[in-house]
């Protein structure tokens, strides 16, 4: 079995045409399978930081700038 990965811009005319061609060609074929995956917008480290912030982890709250600087050790 061979795996081939294509990166197709679904918004372009050529991308739409190619995707429609492939989907039409493999309908009913048992020997060919289309697997669609979505790419993340960011790398794994950035995704983790975004998830942590949404959970409230690593957020410093302060009453004013002096309090914030004190908490940050500045």
C-alpha atoms as a PDB file:
ATOM      1  CA  UNK A   1       0.000   0.000   0.000  1.00  0.00           C
ATOM      2  CA  UNK A   2       1.222   3.491  -0.826  1.00  0.00           C
ATOM      3  CA  UNK A   3       0.184   6.647   0.998  1.00  0.00           C
ATOM      4  CA  UNK A   4       0.247   9.939  -0.895  1.00  0.00           C
ATOM      5  CA  UNK A   5      -0.427  13.249   0.826  1.00  0.00           C
ATOM      6  CA  UNK A   6      -1.736  16.249  -1.119  1.00  0.00           C
ATOM      7  CA  UNK A   7      -2.075  19.765   0.236  1.00  0.00           C
ATOM      8  CA  UNK A   8      -5.018  21.252  -1.662  1.00  0.00           C
ATOM      9  CA  UNK A   9      -6.232  24.836  -1.423  1.00  0.00           C
ATOM     10  CA  UNK A  10      -9.988  24.217  -1.446  1.00  0.00           C
ATOM     11  CA  UNK A  11     -10.640  27.902  -2.156  1.00  0.00           C
ATOM     12  CA  UNK A  12      -8.774  27.982  -5.479  1.00  0.00           C
ATOM     13  CA  UNK A  13     -10.361  26.968  -8.778  1.00  0.00           C
ATOM     14  CA  UNK A  14      -7.674  24.371  -9.461  1.00  0.00           C
ATOM     15  CA  UNK A  15      -7.971  22.985  -5.932  1.00  0.00           C
ATOM     16  CA  UNK A  16     -11.745  22.632  -6.213  1.00  0.00           C
ATOM     17  CA  UNK A  17     -11.478  20.955  -9.622  1.00  0.00           C
ATOM     18  CA  UNK A  18      -8.770  18.536  -8.487  1.00  0.00           C
ATOM     19  CA  UNK A  19     -10.651  17.602  -5.314  1.00  0.00           C
ATOM     20  CA  UNK A  20     -13.883  16.996  -7.261  1.00  0.00           C
ATOM     21  CA  UNK A  21     -11.984  14.876  -9.797  1.00  0.00           C
ATOM     22  CA  UNK A  22     -10.406  12.706  -7.098  1.00  0.00           C
ATOM     23  CA  UNK A  23     -13.675  12.281  -5.186  1.00  0.00           C
ATOM     24  CA  UNK A  24     -15.532  11.345  -8.392  1.00  0.00           C
ATOM     25  CA  UNK A  25     -12.806   8.933  -9.469  1.00  0.00           C
ATOM     26  CA  UNK A  26     -12.735   6.939  -6.208  1.00  0.00           C
ATOM     27  CA  UNK A  27     -16.482   6.669  -5.529  1.00  0.00           C
ATOM     28  CA  UNK A  28     -17.224   3.005  -4.950  1.00  0.00           C
ATOM     29  CA  UNK A  29     -13.546   1.966  -5.219  1.00  0.00           C
ATOM     30  CA  UNK A  30     -12.576  -0.321  -2.374  1.00  0.00           C
ATOM     31  CA  UNK A  31      -8.866  -0.044  -3.139  1.00  0.00           C
ATOM     32  CA  UNK A  32      -8.682   3.734  -2.648  1.00  0.00           C
ATOM     33  CA  UNK A  33      -9.522   5.648   0.506  1.00  0.00           C
ATOM     34  CA  UNK A  34      -9.622   9.420   1.011  1.00  0.00           C
ATOM     35  CA  UNK A  35      -8.614  10.559   4.483  1.00  0.00           C
ATOM     36  CA  UNK A  36      -9.116  14.255   5.187  1.00  0.00           C
ATOM     37  CA  UNK A  37      -7.157  15.875   7.994  1.00  0.00           C
ATOM     38  CA  UNK A  38      -7.151  19.411   9.276  1.00  0.00           C
ATOM     39  CA  UNK A  39      -3.948  21.215  10.085  1.00  0.00           C
ATOM     40  CA  UNK A  40      -3.734  23.177  13.290  1.00  0.00           C
ATOM     41  CA  UNK A  41      -3.173  26.883  12.977  1.00  0.00           C
ATOM     42  CA  UNK A  42      -0.206  26.867  15.349  1.00  0.00           C
ATOM     43  CA  UNK A  43       2.584  24.537  16.434  1.00  0.00           C
ATOM     44  CA  UNK A  44       2.087  22.162  19.395  1.00  0.00           C
ATOM     45  CA  UNK A  45       3.726  24.468  21.951  1.00  0.00           C
ATOM     46  CA  UNK A  46       1.514  27.424  21.013  1.00  0.00           C
ATOM     47  CA  UNK A  47      -1.623  25.228  21.065  1.00  0.00           C
ATOM     48  CA  UNK A  48      -0.674  24.104  24.608  1.00  0.00           C
ATOM     49  CA  UNK A  49      -0.185  27.701  25.787  1.00  0.00           C
ATOM     50  CA  UNK A  50      -3.558  28.718  24.311  1.00  0.00           C
ATOM     51  CA  UNK A  51      -5.253  25.801  26.107  1.00  0.00           C
ATOM     52  CA  UNK A  52      -3.524  26.733  29.392  1.00  0.00           C
ATOM     53  CA  UNK A  53      -4.636  30.362  29.123  1.00  0.00           C
ATOM     54  CA  UNK A  54      -8.227  29.297  28.424  1.00  0.00           C
ATOM     55  CA  UNK A  55      -8.084  27.215  31.630  1.00  0.00           C
ATOM     56  CA  UNK A  56      -6.731  30.213  33.563  1.00  0.00           C
ATOM     57  CA  UNK A  57      -3.281  28.707  34.107  1.00  0.00           C
ATOM     58  CA  UNK A  58      -0.373  31.176  34.187  1.00  0.00           C
ATOM     59  CA  UNK A  59      -2.503  34.311  34.429  1.00  0.00           C
ATOM     60  CA  UNK A  60      -1.285  37.060  36.789  1.00  0.00           C
ATOM     61  CA  UNK A  61      -4.003  39.306  38.161  1.00  0.00           C
ATOM     62  CA  UNK A  62      -3.162  42.575  39.867  1.00  0.00           C
ATOM     63  CA  UNK A  63      -4.986  45.578  41.284  1.00  0.00           C
ATOM     64  CA  UNK A  64      -2.680  48.063  39.570  1.00  0.00           C
ATOM     65  CA  UNK A  65       0.683  48.298  37.814  1.00  0.00           C
ATOM     66  CA  UNK A  66       2.678  48.486  41.062  1.00  0.00           C
ATOM     67  CA  UNK A  67       1.004  45.294  42.314  1.00  0.00           C
ATOM     68  CA  UNK A  68       1.682  43.579  38.980  1.00  0.00           C
ATOM     69  CA  UNK A  69       5.366  44.556  39.014  1.00  0.00           C
ATOM     70  CA  UNK A  70       5.655  43.259  42.585  1.00  0.00           C
ATOM     71  CA  UNK A  71       4.095  39.895  41.615  1.00  0.00           C
ATOM     72  CA  UNK A  72       6.369  39.628  38.575  1.00  0.00           C
ATOM     73  CA  UNK A  73       9.462  40.544  40.617  1.00  0.00           C
ATOM     74  CA  UNK A  74      10.257  43.632  38.584  1.00  0.00           C
END
